Amino acid sequence: MAETNTTTKASQSAINGPGVGSPHKSNSTGYQQFGNNLPNVDDRRIEHAKEMVGHFVGEIAMKDFIKFLPQVDNVDTPVIDFSEVPASEGNENSMYEPFRTAVQESGVCPSFDLLDTSSTKDSVTKIKPDVGIFASDIDASVLKSQTLSLMDIFVEIKPLKHQDAFHSTMNDGATVENERIQSFLGTTDRSIKHRGQQIEYASQIMALQHRIHLFSVSIIGHYARLVRWDRAGACVSERFDYHDGSNNWIGEFLFRYANATPEERGFDPNVQRATAKEVAALAKAVDAHLGKFDYSPHQRPELKKTTDPSYPAYKIRVKDQSSDKVSEYIICRPFFEVSSLCSRATRGYLALPVRNRTKLVFFKDTWRTDIEGMLSEAEVYAILRENKELLPLLPVVLACGDALLSDGQVQCTKTQDCVEGTQWVHHTAWLRKLIRHRVIQELAFPLHMVRNSKQLLEAIRNILKVIKLAYHEFGILHRDISIGNVMLNMGFAGILNDWDHAIHANVARQGHPYRTVC
């Protein structure tokens, strides 16, 4: 079908997005908890594209984009010959193998393999990027099922230039003041769906791998773009001709990536794959925990899914912010997760402490907004614990704090930093710095598990008490009181959970132009 420059009503919101002060009322989170359940693939991708309006920064000149990865000194970068790639023939399938072969045979990234994954469905998400770049030492038997959880970089290929997810403005004399810069996001149906497709792949890979950031390659005909994704948004390179031999940008990018540290590639240094024995120990502990509740009000069948073997299992190191104590936990499938890429990306797990494998705990992984006046959950609990009367009304926190890099700095997003002081970007005021935060606490029960009306009334009384004490003694407002955050401790007494939206009521803070997704 011939491409059209008109935009359908269904995809109009994917271009305009919400206006300032007009919060998102729906997102892909509403359609997904463990997979991509929105029935129509095109609808799902349009939804993803709509959510990320205002979260793209570009076009970034390649000489600047390449600086996201450290330069390799005293070594010549191998040159990739893409002349055999049949660009712009209208059949993307014919491009996969020549592209893969050109990169592989160049020797630009010898410790990585490029594989055609266009017909290999990931066991969790059921999606299949065209080409995936994987570490060469990965077990091929595992790779067949856990494609996305093992993929370093995804390559999405389209045969025609007008399928580009973005408009090329850099070479058209566009400036920040020029209206053409506002059309950076492609507006045709194909462009919007292609953009949504890339967003979907990025969000799923980052979720399955606990990534800090992620790189991808977008091929459109004989042109290409590189993209760097994180929880604040995405930085998009200028469009360049990779096919005519005038540059070696893809080769330079992959060469730098192959020689970078895992952390520089976007991997969390606190996360490693769990061993088979650790996975078995987690499954045994979950079975033992669920076996304690033999009558229906206390049965929680969704928790059994947390040991789903199709999901990767990890061992994660957490440093408590108040004590500096380091502990490790084994996790697998989350029983709650948010699929939106640009969000707090909150996920909840049943976790097994490595040092004490007899008692499960709750493990929350989230990205907090770094705005003056907003407190981290670790800061809130440290303040509230000063009043001993509040302790029985709060969850028992075992460890809590910002996730750190190997140099001791916090893990945070970088997309928002690309806007300041530059003249080549598509500007947006919506970007916010996010910091990864983890909370470990004793398990609690949902409110519906109360045994009688007396317990229910006592739970409500406790919540009213903690709200009053937190505000009058410390000036702290919870701001997210809901039935999901009113819980019961192991003694079935009411507690107020999830203080990650709390603020100091007497501290001025910068507002959001849109609603933060959980």
Protein backbone atom coordinates (compact mmCIF):
# COMPACT_ATOMS: atom_id res chain seq x y z
CA MET A 1 0.00 0.00 0.00
CA ALA A 2 1.32 3.45 -0.89
CA GLU A 3 2.47 5.59 2.01
CA THR A 4 0.36 8.62 2.82
CA ASN A 5 1.27 11.83 4.58
CA THR A 6 -2.13 12.12 6.20
CA THR A 7 -2.59 11.10 9.81
CA THR A 8 -5.48 9.02 11.07
CA LYS A 9 -7.63 10.10 13.99
CA ALA A 10 -6.54 7.00 15.88
CA SER A 11 -2.91 8.05 15.78
CA GLN A 12 -3.35 11.81 16.19
CA SER A 13 -2.74 11.62 19.93
CA ALA A 14 0.53 9.84 19.27
CA ILE A 15 1.78 13.07 17.73
CA ASN A 16 0.32 15.73 19.97
CA GLY A 17 0.43 13.95 23.32
CA PRO A 18 -1.13 15.46 26.44
CA GLY A 19 -1.04 19.19 26.91
CA VAL A 20 0.51 20.80 29.96
CA GLY A 21 -1.66 20.09 32.97
CA SER A 22 -3.51 17.35 31.11
CA PRO A 23 -2.49 14.03 32.70
CA HIS A 24 -2.32 10.68 30.96
CA LYS A 25 -5.56 8.86 31.69
CA SER A 26 -4.53 5.56 30.14
CA ASN A 27 -1.33 3.86 29.15
CA SER A 28 0.00 0.49 28.13
CA THR A 29 0.18 -0.45 31.79
CA GLY A 30 -3.56 -0.84 31.76
CA TYR A 31 -3.26 -3.51 29.12
CA GLN A 32 -0.33 -5.43 30.48
CA GLN A 33 0.91 -6.90 33.69
CA PHE A 34 3.08 -9.76 32.51
CA GLY A 35 2.96 -9.51 28.71
CA ASN A 36 1.63 -7.66 25.74
CA ASN A 37 -2.10 -8.35 26.04
CA LEU A 38 -3.58 -5.53 23.97
CA PRO A 39 -5.15 -7.65 21.19
CA ASN A 40 -4.15 -5.55 18.20
CA VAL A 41 -0.42 -5.08 17.66
CA ASP A 42 -0.88 -1.78 15.81
CA ASP A 43 -3.08 -0.38 18.60
CA ARG A 44 -0.50 -1.37 21.17
CA ARG A 45 2.30 0.37 19.28
CA ILE A 46 0.26 3.53 18.78
CA GLU A 47 -0.36 3.54 22.54
CA HIS A 48 3.37 3.25 23.24
CA ALA A 49 4.10 6.08 20.78
CA LYS A 50 1.47 8.29 22.43
CA GLU A 51 2.95 7.75 25.88
CA MET A 52 6.43 8.81 24.81
CA VAL A 53 5.55 12.07 23.08
CA GLY A 54 7.77 14.68 24.73
CA HIS A 55 10.35 12.14 25.82
CA PHE A 56 12.58 12.12 22.71
CA VAL A 57 15.67 14.27 22.32
CA GLY A 58 17.12 14.65 18.81
CA GLU A 59 18.45 14.87 16.26
CA ILE A 60 21.85 14.51 17.89
CA ALA A 61 24.85 14.81 15.59
CA MET A 62 26.74 11.51 15.42
CA LYS A 63 29.95 13.19 16.53
CA ASP A 64 28.12 13.97 19.79
CA PHE A 65 26.03 10.81 20.08
CA ILE A 66 29.08 8.57 19.82
CA LYS A 67 30.38 10.13 23.06
CA PHE A 68 27.81 8.10 25.03
CA LEU A 69 30.46 5.36 24.83
CA PRO A 70 34.16 5.81 25.68
CA GLN A 71 36.68 6.10 22.88
CA VAL A 72 39.03 3.16 22.27
CA ASP A 73 42.57 4.51 22.23
CA ASN A 74 45.48 3.29 20.11
CA VAL A 75 43.39 0.84 18.08
CA ASP A 76 42.01 1.34 14.58
CA THR A 77 38.28 0.79 14.24
CA PRO A 78 37.43 -1.95 11.71
CA VAL A 79 35.38 -0.70 8.76
CA ILE A 80 32.08 -2.41 7.92
CA ASP A 81 31.29 -2.88 4.25
CA PHE A 82 27.50 -2.67 3.85
CA SER A 83 27.51 -2.63 0.04
CA GLU A 84 25.91 -6.09 -0.14
CA VAL A 85 22.90 -5.06 1.92
CA PRO A 86 19.98 -4.72 -0.56
CA ALA A 87 18.70 -1.40 0.75
CA SER A 88 15.47 0.21 -0.49
CA GLU A 89 14.14 -2.82 -2.32
CA GLY A 90 10.92 -2.91 -0.32
CA ASN A 91 11.59 -6.30 1.28
CA GLU A 92 13.11 -6.06 4.73
CA ASN A 93 13.52 -9.83 5.11
CA SER A 94 16.16 -9.78 2.40
CA MET A 95 18.19 -7.27 4.44
CA TYR A 96 18.56 -9.26 7.68
CA GLU A 97 21.24 -11.76 6.68
CA PRO A 98 23.42 -9.40 4.57
CA PHE A 99 23.37 -6.82 7.38
CA ARG A 100 24.20 -9.44 9.99
CA THR A 101 26.98 -10.91 7.87
CA ALA A 102 28.53 -7.53 7.07
CA VAL A 103 28.87 -6.65 10.75
CA GLN A 104 29.99 -10.12 11.86
CA GLU A 105 32.68 -10.50 9.21
CA SER A 106 34.10 -7.03 9.86
CA GLY A 107 35.46 -8.09 13.24
CA VAL A 108 34.15 -4.88 14.79
CA CYS A 109 32.68 -6.73 17.79
CA PRO A 110 34.31 -10.19 17.99
CA SER A 111 32.95 -10.94 21.47
CA PHE A 112 29.36 -10.56 20.22
CA ASP A 113 27.17 -12.48 17.79
CA LEU A 114 24.53 -10.96 15.53
CA LEU A 115 21.55 -13.28 15.10
CA ASP A 116 18.44 -13.11 12.97
CA THR A 117 15.71 -13.14 15.63
CA SER A 118 12.84 -12.17 13.32
CA SER A 119 11.26 -15.62 13.64
CA THR A 120 12.21 -16.35 17.26
CA LYS A 121 9.51 -15.33 19.73
CA ASP A 122 10.67 -14.44 23.20
CA SER A 123 9.01 -16.82 25.69
CA VAL A 124 7.83 -13.99 27.95
CA THR A 125 6.85 -11.13 25.65
CA LYS A 126 6.22 -13.05 22.38
CA ILE A 127 7.91 -10.25 20.44
CA LYS A 128 10.78 -10.71 18.00
CA PRO A 129 13.15 -7.93 16.90
CA ASP A 130 14.64 -8.32 13.44
CA VAL A 131 18.27 -8.74 14.52
CA GLY A 132 19.69 -9.12 18.00
CA ILE A 133 23.24 -8.61 19.24
CA PHE A 134 24.27 -11.07 21.97
CA ALA A 135 27.39 -11.89 23.96
CA SER A 136 29.18 -14.79 22.24
CA ASP A 137 29.37 -16.93 25.39
CA ILE A 138 25.59 -17.28 25.85
CA ASP A 139 24.19 -20.82 26.00
CA ALA A 140 22.37 -21.36 22.69
CA SER A 141 19.72 -23.57 24.34
CA VAL A 142 18.71 -20.75 26.69
CA LEU A 143 18.81 -18.21 23.89
CA LYS A 144 15.99 -19.98 22.05
CA SER A 145 13.48 -19.13 24.78
CA GLN A 146 14.83 -16.09 26.64
CA THR A 147 15.70 -13.93 23.64
CA LEU A 148 15.02 -10.47 25.06
CA SER A 149 16.49 -11.14 28.49
CA LEU A 150 19.83 -11.94 26.84
CA MET A 151 19.88 -9.35 24.04
CA ASP A 152 22.44 -6.53 24.34
CA ILE A 153 21.24 -4.42 21.39
CA PHE A 154 18.23 -4.76 19.11
CA VAL A 155 18.34 -3.81 15.43
CA GLU A 156 15.05 -2.92 13.75
CA ILE A 157 15.10 -2.85 9.95
CA LYS A 158 12.70 -1.15 7.54
CA PRO A 159 13.38 -1.09 3.78
CA LEU A 160 12.16 2.43 2.97
CA LYS A 161 13.35 5.84 4.14
CA HIS A 162 9.83 7.16 4.63
CA GLN A 163 9.27 4.47 7.29
CA ASP A 164 11.64 6.41 9.55
CA ALA A 165 10.12 6.90 13.00
CA PHE A 166 11.49 10.46 12.99
CA HIS A 167 11.79 13.34 10.54
CA SER A 168 15.27 14.38 9.49
CA THR A 169 15.69 18.07 10.32
CA MET A 170 19.42 18.41 10.89
CA ASN A 171 20.33 18.78 7.24
CA ASP A 172 17.37 20.99 6.34
CA GLY A 173 18.59 24.15 8.04
CA ALA A 174 16.25 23.65 10.99
CA THR A 175 16.97 25.43 14.26
CA VAL A 176 15.34 25.51 17.65
CA GLU A 177 13.33 28.53 16.50
CA ASN A 178 12.32 26.92 13.22
CA GLU A 179 8.85 25.36 13.13
CA ARG A 180 10.27 22.34 11.33
CA ILE A 181 12.02 21.22 14.51
CA GLN A 182 8.56 20.59 15.97
CA SER A 183 7.98 17.87 13.37
CA PHE A 184 10.90 15.76 14.62
CA LEU A 185 8.48 12.93 15.42
CA GLY A 186 7.24 11.19 12.28
CA THR A 187 3.54 11.77 11.74
CA THR A 188 2.48 9.12 9.24
CA ASP A 189 0.86 5.91 10.43
CA ARG A 190 3.93 3.90 9.47
CA SER A 191 6.27 6.25 11.30
CA ILE A 192 4.15 6.20 14.46
CA LYS A 193 3.84 2.41 14.48
CA HIS A 194 7.55 2.01 13.79
CA ARG A 195 8.33 4.34 16.70
CA GLY A 196 5.92 2.44 18.95
CA GLN A 197 7.53 -0.83 17.90
CA GLN A 198 10.97 0.36 18.96
CA ILE A 199 9.57 1.70 22.26
CA GLU A 200 7.96 -1.66 22.95
CA TYR A 201 11.19 -3.55 22.37
CA ALA A 202 13.19 -1.15 24.51
CA SER A 203 10.71 -1.22 27.41
CA GLN A 204 10.59 -5.02 27.48
CA ILE A 205 14.35 -5.48 27.31
CA MET A 206 14.95 -2.94 30.06
CA ALA A 207 12.37 -4.59 32.29
CA LEU A 208 13.62 -8.14 31.79
CA GLN A 209 17.28 -7.21 32.25
CA HIS A 210 17.11 -4.54 35.00
CA ARG A 211 18.98 -2.20 32.66
CA ILE A 212 20.05 1.36 33.46
CA HIS A 213 20.06 2.27 29.77
CA LEU A 214 19.95 0.53 26.43
CA PHE A 215 21.17 1.14 22.88
CA SER A 216 19.44 0.21 19.62
CA VAL A 217 20.02 0.55 15.88
CA SER A 218 17.29 1.66 13.49
CA ILE A 219 17.84 0.88 9.80
CA ILE A 220 15.58 2.58 7.23
CA GLY A 221 16.58 1.76 3.68
CA HIS A 222 20.21 2.79 3.26
CA TYR A 223 19.94 5.20 6.22
CA ALA A 224 20.38 4.54 9.93
CA ARG A 225 19.87 6.07 13.36
CA LEU A 226 21.21 5.11 16.77
CA VAL A 227 19.08 5.45 19.91
CA ARG A 228 19.94 5.49 23.60
CA TRP A 229 17.01 4.65 25.91
CA ASP A 230 16.51 5.17 29.63
CA ARG A 231 13.58 5.72 31.99
CA ALA A 232 13.43 9.46 31.25
CA GLY A 233 13.24 9.09 27.48
CA ALA A 234 15.40 8.46 24.45
CA CYS A 235 18.25 10.28 22.70
CA VAL A 236 18.05 9.89 18.92
CA SER A 237 20.96 10.42 16.54
CA GLU A 238 20.82 12.21 13.25
CA ARG A 239 19.90 10.09 10.23
CA PHE A 240 22.99 9.10 8.26
CA ASP A 241 23.70 7.05 5.13
CA TYR A 242 25.41 3.91 6.40
CA HIS A 243 25.36 2.21 3.00
CA ASP A 244 27.45 4.38 0.70
CA GLY A 245 30.78 4.04 2.48
CA SER A 246 31.01 7.74 3.32
CA ASN A 247 31.16 7.02 7.06
CA ASN A 248 31.70 4.19 9.52
CA TRP A 249 29.39 5.35 12.30
CA ILE A 250 27.80 1.93 12.92
CA GLY A 251 31.26 0.37 13.00
CA GLU A 252 32.56 3.01 15.42
CA PHE A 253 29.52 2.61 17.67
CA LEU A 254 29.72 -1.20 17.83
CA PHE A 255 33.51 -1.10 18.30
CA ARG A 256 33.16 1.24 21.26
CA TYR A 257 30.29 -0.84 22.66
CA ALA A 258 32.27 -4.08 22.41
CA ASN A 259 35.20 -2.50 24.28
CA ALA A 260 33.08 -0.80 26.96
CA THR A 261 32.40 -2.21 30.42
CA PRO A 262 29.03 -3.86 31.10
CA GLU A 263 28.10 -0.83 33.18
CA GLU A 264 28.92 1.55 30.31
CA ARG A 265 26.72 -0.61 28.09
CA GLY A 266 23.83 -0.04 30.51
CA PHE A 267 23.91 -3.05 32.83
CA ASP A 268 23.33 -2.73 36.58
CA PRO A 269 26.54 -3.80 38.38
CA ASN A 270 24.45 -5.06 41.31
CA VAL A 271 22.61 -7.66 39.22
CA GLN A 272 23.75 -11.11 38.11
CA ARG A 273 22.01 -14.24 36.91
CA ALA A 274 20.93 -16.59 39.68
CA THR A 275 22.36 -20.10 39.69
CA ALA A 276 20.18 -23.19 39.24
CA LYS A 277 20.48 -23.93 42.98
CA GLU A 278 19.39 -20.42 43.87
CA VAL A 279 16.39 -20.65 41.54
CA ALA A 280 15.41 -23.97 43.12
CA ALA A 281 15.73 -22.48 46.61
CA LEU A 282 13.42 -19.59 45.66
CA ALA A 283 10.80 -21.99 44.24
CA LYS A 284 10.94 -24.12 47.38
CA ALA A 285 10.52 -21.09 49.64
CA VAL A 286 7.53 -19.80 47.62
CA ASP A 287 5.82 -23.21 47.78
CA ALA A 288 6.40 -23.37 51.54
CA HIS A 289 5.01 -19.85 52.02
CA LEU A 290 1.87 -20.48 49.99
CA GLY A 291 1.31 -23.79 51.78
CA LYS A 292 0.75 -21.92 55.05
CA PHE A 293 -2.58 -20.56 53.81
CA ASP A 294 -5.04 -23.36 53.31
CA TYR A 295 -8.32 -21.45 53.25
CA SER A 296 -9.53 -19.25 50.43
CA PRO A 297 -9.35 -15.72 51.94
CA HIS A 298 -5.58 -16.14 52.37
CA GLN A 299 -4.77 -17.92 49.13
CA ARG A 300 -2.89 -15.78 46.64
CA PRO A 301 -2.42 -17.85 43.48
CA GLU A 302 -0.77 -14.94 41.62
CA LEU A 303 2.27 -15.34 43.88
CA LYS A 304 2.94 -18.80 42.47
CA LYS A 305 3.72 -17.13 39.15
CA THR A 306 6.74 -15.45 40.71
CA THR A 307 8.80 -18.61 40.01
CA ASP A 308 7.73 -18.88 36.36
CA PRO A 309 10.65 -20.73 34.66
CA SER A 310 10.17 -18.79 31.42
CA TYR A 311 11.39 -15.67 33.24
CA PRO A 312 15.06 -15.01 34.01
CA ALA A 313 16.03 -15.24 37.68
CA TYR A 314 18.53 -12.84 39.21
CA LYS A 315 20.55 -12.26 42.34
CA ILE A 316 20.54 -8.56 43.25
CA ARG A 317 22.78 -6.76 45.72
CA VAL A 318 21.16 -3.97 47.79
CA LYS A 319 22.95 -1.46 50.02
CA ASP A 320 20.89 -0.03 52.86
CA GLN A 321 21.10 3.76 52.86
CA SER A 322 21.03 4.22 56.64
CA SER A 323 23.38 1.42 57.76
CA ASP A 324 25.52 0.80 54.64
CA LYS A 325 24.82 -2.90 55.14
CA VAL A 326 24.86 -4.91 51.89
CA SER A 327 22.54 -7.87 51.34
CA GLU A 328 21.62 -10.06 48.36
CA TYR A 329 18.23 -11.34 47.19
CA ILE A 330 17.04 -13.88 44.63
CA ILE A 331 14.10 -12.85 42.44
CA CYS A 332 12.36 -14.11 39.32
CA ARG A 333 9.04 -12.95 37.85
CA PRO A 334 7.41 -9.82 39.29
CA PHE A 335 3.84 -10.16 40.54
CA PHE A 336 3.35 -6.50 39.66
CA GLU A 337 5.04 -4.44 36.96
CA VAL A 338 4.56 -1.34 34.83
CA SER A 339 5.22 -1.68 31.11
CA SER A 340 5.61 1.99 30.21
CA LEU A 341 9.20 2.82 29.33
CA CYS A 342 9.21 6.40 30.60
CA SER A 343 7.88 5.88 34.08
CA ARG A 344 8.84 4.95 37.61
CA ALA A 345 8.78 1.38 36.23
CA THR A 346 7.76 -0.02 39.62
CA ARG A 347 8.00 -3.78 39.97
CA GLY A 348 7.23 -5.95 42.98
CA TYR A 349 8.78 -9.36 43.66
CA LEU A 350 8.77 -12.15 46.17
CA ALA A 351 12.45 -12.40 47.07
CA LEU A 352 14.59 -14.85 48.97
CA PRO A 353 17.52 -13.48 51.02
CA VAL A 354 20.74 -15.25 50.05
CA ARG A 355 21.95 -15.44 53.68
CA ASN A 356 18.62 -16.53 55.16
CA ARG A 357 16.77 -18.84 52.81
CA THR A 358 13.94 -19.67 55.19
CA LYS A 359 11.91 -16.47 54.97
CA LEU A 360 10.62 -14.65 51.91
CA VAL A 361 10.58 -10.85 51.73
CA PHE A 362 9.05 -8.20 49.47
CA PHE A 363 11.42 -6.58 46.96
CA LYS A 364 10.43 -3.34 45.22
CA ASP A 365 12.41 -1.91 42.32
CA THR A 366 11.40 1.57 41.15
CA TRP A 367 12.73 4.83 39.69
CA ARG A 368 12.02 7.87 41.85
CA THR A 369 11.65 11.42 40.54
CA ASP A 370 14.52 13.65 41.62
CA ILE A 371 12.69 16.89 42.44
CA GLU A 372 13.35 19.24 45.35
CA GLY A 373 10.81 18.66 48.10
CA MET A 374 10.11 15.04 47.17
CA LEU A 375 11.59 12.47 49.53
CA SER A 376 12.98 9.08 48.70
CA GLU A 377 11.30 6.20 50.45
CA ALA A 378 14.50 5.58 52.41
CA GLU A 379 14.47 9.19 53.64
CA VAL A 380 10.81 8.95 54.67
CA TYR A 381 11.30 5.80 56.73
CA ALA A 382 14.42 7.22 58.37
CA ILE A 383 12.42 10.28 59.49
CA LEU A 384 9.30 8.43 60.63
CA ARG A 385 11.27 5.85 62.62
CA GLU A 386 12.30 8.65 64.98
CA ASN A 387 8.85 8.35 66.55
CA LYS A 388 8.59 4.91 68.18
CA GLU A 389 4.80 5.20 68.20
CA LEU A 390 4.85 5.02 64.40
CA LEU A 391 6.87 1.82 64.11
CA PRO A 392 3.92 -0.63 64.45
CA LEU A 393 1.99 1.39 61.84
CA LEU A 394 4.67 1.10 59.14
CA PRO A 395 6.04 -1.83 57.14
CA VAL A 396 9.14 -3.51 58.56
CA VAL A 397 11.87 -2.25 56.23
CA LEU A 398 14.92 -4.50 55.99
CA ALA A 399 16.93 -2.50 53.47
CA CYS A 400 16.23 0.62 51.46
CA GLY A 401 18.18 3.03 49.30
CA ASP A 402 19.20 4.31 45.89
CA ALA A 403 20.90 1.77 43.63
CA LEU A 404 24.56 2.62 43.08
CA LEU A 405 27.06 2.34 40.26
CA SER A 406 30.45 0.74 40.84
CA ASP A 407 31.98 4.17 41.60
CA GLY A 408 29.42 4.86 44.33
CA GLN A 409 27.33 7.31 42.29
CA VAL A 410 23.56 6.77 42.08
CA GLN A 411 22.00 5.10 39.04
CA CYS A 412 20.09 7.82 37.22
CA THR A 413 18.74 8.78 33.83
CA LYS A 414 20.78 10.91 31.41
CA THR A 415 18.29 11.83 28.69
CA GLN A 416 17.22 14.99 30.51
CA ASP A 417 20.85 16.21 30.55
CA CYS A 418 21.01 16.21 26.75
CA VAL A 419 18.53 19.10 26.54
CA GLU A 420 20.47 21.71 28.49
CA GLY A 421 22.66 24.10 26.53
CA THR A 422 22.27 22.46 23.13
CA GLN A 423 20.89 23.89 19.93
CA TRP A 424 20.40 20.73 17.92
CA VAL A 425 17.75 19.03 20.03
CA HIS A 426 14.01 18.81 19.77
CA HIS A 427 13.27 20.53 23.07
CA THR A 428 10.77 19.38 25.66
CA ALA A 429 9.95 20.56 29.16
CA TRP A 430 8.62 17.17 30.23
CA LEU A 431 11.89 15.39 30.97
CA ARG A 432 12.74 14.70 34.60
CA LYS A 433 15.74 13.04 36.22
CA LEU A 434 14.89 9.65 37.72
CA ILE A 435 16.96 7.67 40.24
CA ARG A 436 16.69 3.94 40.76
CA HIS A 437 15.49 3.05 44.27
CA ARG A 438 15.03 -0.32 45.93
CA VAL A 439 13.07 -1.24 49.05
CA ILE A 440 13.16 -4.58 50.88
CA GLN A 441 10.59 -5.23 53.60
CA GLU A 442 8.82 -8.00 55.42
CA LEU A 443 5.83 -9.47 53.62
CA ALA A 444 2.43 -7.93 54.27
CA PHE A 445 -1.09 -8.98 53.38
CA PRO A 446 -3.62 -7.05 51.26
CA LEU A 447 -6.49 -5.50 53.19
CA HIS A 448 -9.09 -7.92 51.78
CA MET A 449 -7.49 -10.69 53.84
CA VAL A 450 -8.88 -9.35 57.14
CA ARG A 451 -10.60 -12.08 59.11
CA ASN A 452 -13.42 -10.04 60.60
CA SER A 453 -14.92 -6.56 60.84
CA LYS A 454 -12.99 -5.80 64.03
CA GLN A 455 -9.66 -6.24 62.23
CA LEU A 456 -10.92 -4.01 59.42
CA LEU A 457 -11.89 -1.18 61.77
CA GLU A 458 -8.62 -1.48 63.68
CA ALA A 459 -6.70 -1.29 60.40
CA ILE A 460 -8.53 1.90 59.40
CA ARG A 461 -7.84 3.38 62.83
CA ASN A 462 -4.12 2.66 62.42
CA ILE A 463 -4.06 4.37 59.03
CA LEU A 464 -5.73 7.50 60.37
CA LYS A 465 -3.23 7.54 63.23
CA VAL A 466 -0.14 7.25 61.03
CA ILE A 467 -1.42 9.95 58.67
CA LYS A 468 -1.96 12.32 61.59
CA LEU A 469 1.38 11.64 63.30
CA ALA A 470 3.42 11.83 60.09
CA TYR A 471 1.96 15.22 59.21
CA HIS A 472 1.79 16.90 62.62
CA GLU A 473 5.20 15.73 63.86
CA PHE A 474 7.25 15.72 60.66
CA GLY A 475 5.19 17.63 58.06
CA ILE A 476 5.13 14.58 55.78
CA LEU A 477 2.21 13.83 53.48
CA HIS A 478 1.83 10.32 52.06
CA ARG A 479 -0.12 11.47 48.95
CA ASP A 480 -0.93 7.98 47.66
CA ILE A 481 -3.42 6.50 50.08
CA SER A 482 -5.41 3.74 48.41
CA ILE A 483 -6.80 0.35 49.26
CA GLY A 484 -3.69 -1.17 47.73
CA ASN A 485 -1.42 0.70 50.15
CA VAL A 486 -3.45 -0.06 53.26
CA MET A 487 -2.08 -3.44 54.25
CA LEU A 488 -1.86 -5.89 57.12
CA ASN A 489 1.37 -6.96 58.79
CA MET A 490 2.09 -10.55 59.78
CA GLY A 491 0.02 -9.98 62.93
CA PHE A 492 -2.89 -8.71 60.79
CA ALA A 493 -2.61 -5.17 62.14
CA GLY A 494 -3.14 -2.31 59.68
CA ILE A 495 -0.06 -0.54 58.24
CA LEU A 496 0.38 2.20 55.64
CA ASN A 497 2.72 1.07 52.87
CA ASP A 498 4.42 2.71 49.85
CA TRP A 499 5.67 6.12 50.91
CA ASP A 500 7.41 6.72 47.57
CA HIS A 501 5.18 9.71 46.69
CA ALA A 502 5.63 11.42 50.07
CA ILE A 503 6.64 15.06 50.35
CA HIS A 504 7.51 17.62 52.99
CA ALA A 505 4.34 19.72 53.09
CA ASN A 506 6.24 22.89 53.96
CA VAL A 507 8.88 22.64 51.22
CA ALA A 508 8.22 24.28 47.85
CA ARG A 509 8.66 21.90 44.95
CA GLN A 510 8.49 21.92 41.20
CA GLY A 511 5.24 20.52 39.80
CA HIS A 512 4.79 18.00 37.03
CA PRO A 513 3.19 18.91 33.70
CA TYR A 514 1.95 15.32 33.48
CA ARG A 515 1.06 12.50 35.81
CA THR A 516 3.86 10.18 36.87
CA VAL A 517 3.16 6.58 35.92
CA CYS A 518 3.81 4.15 38.78
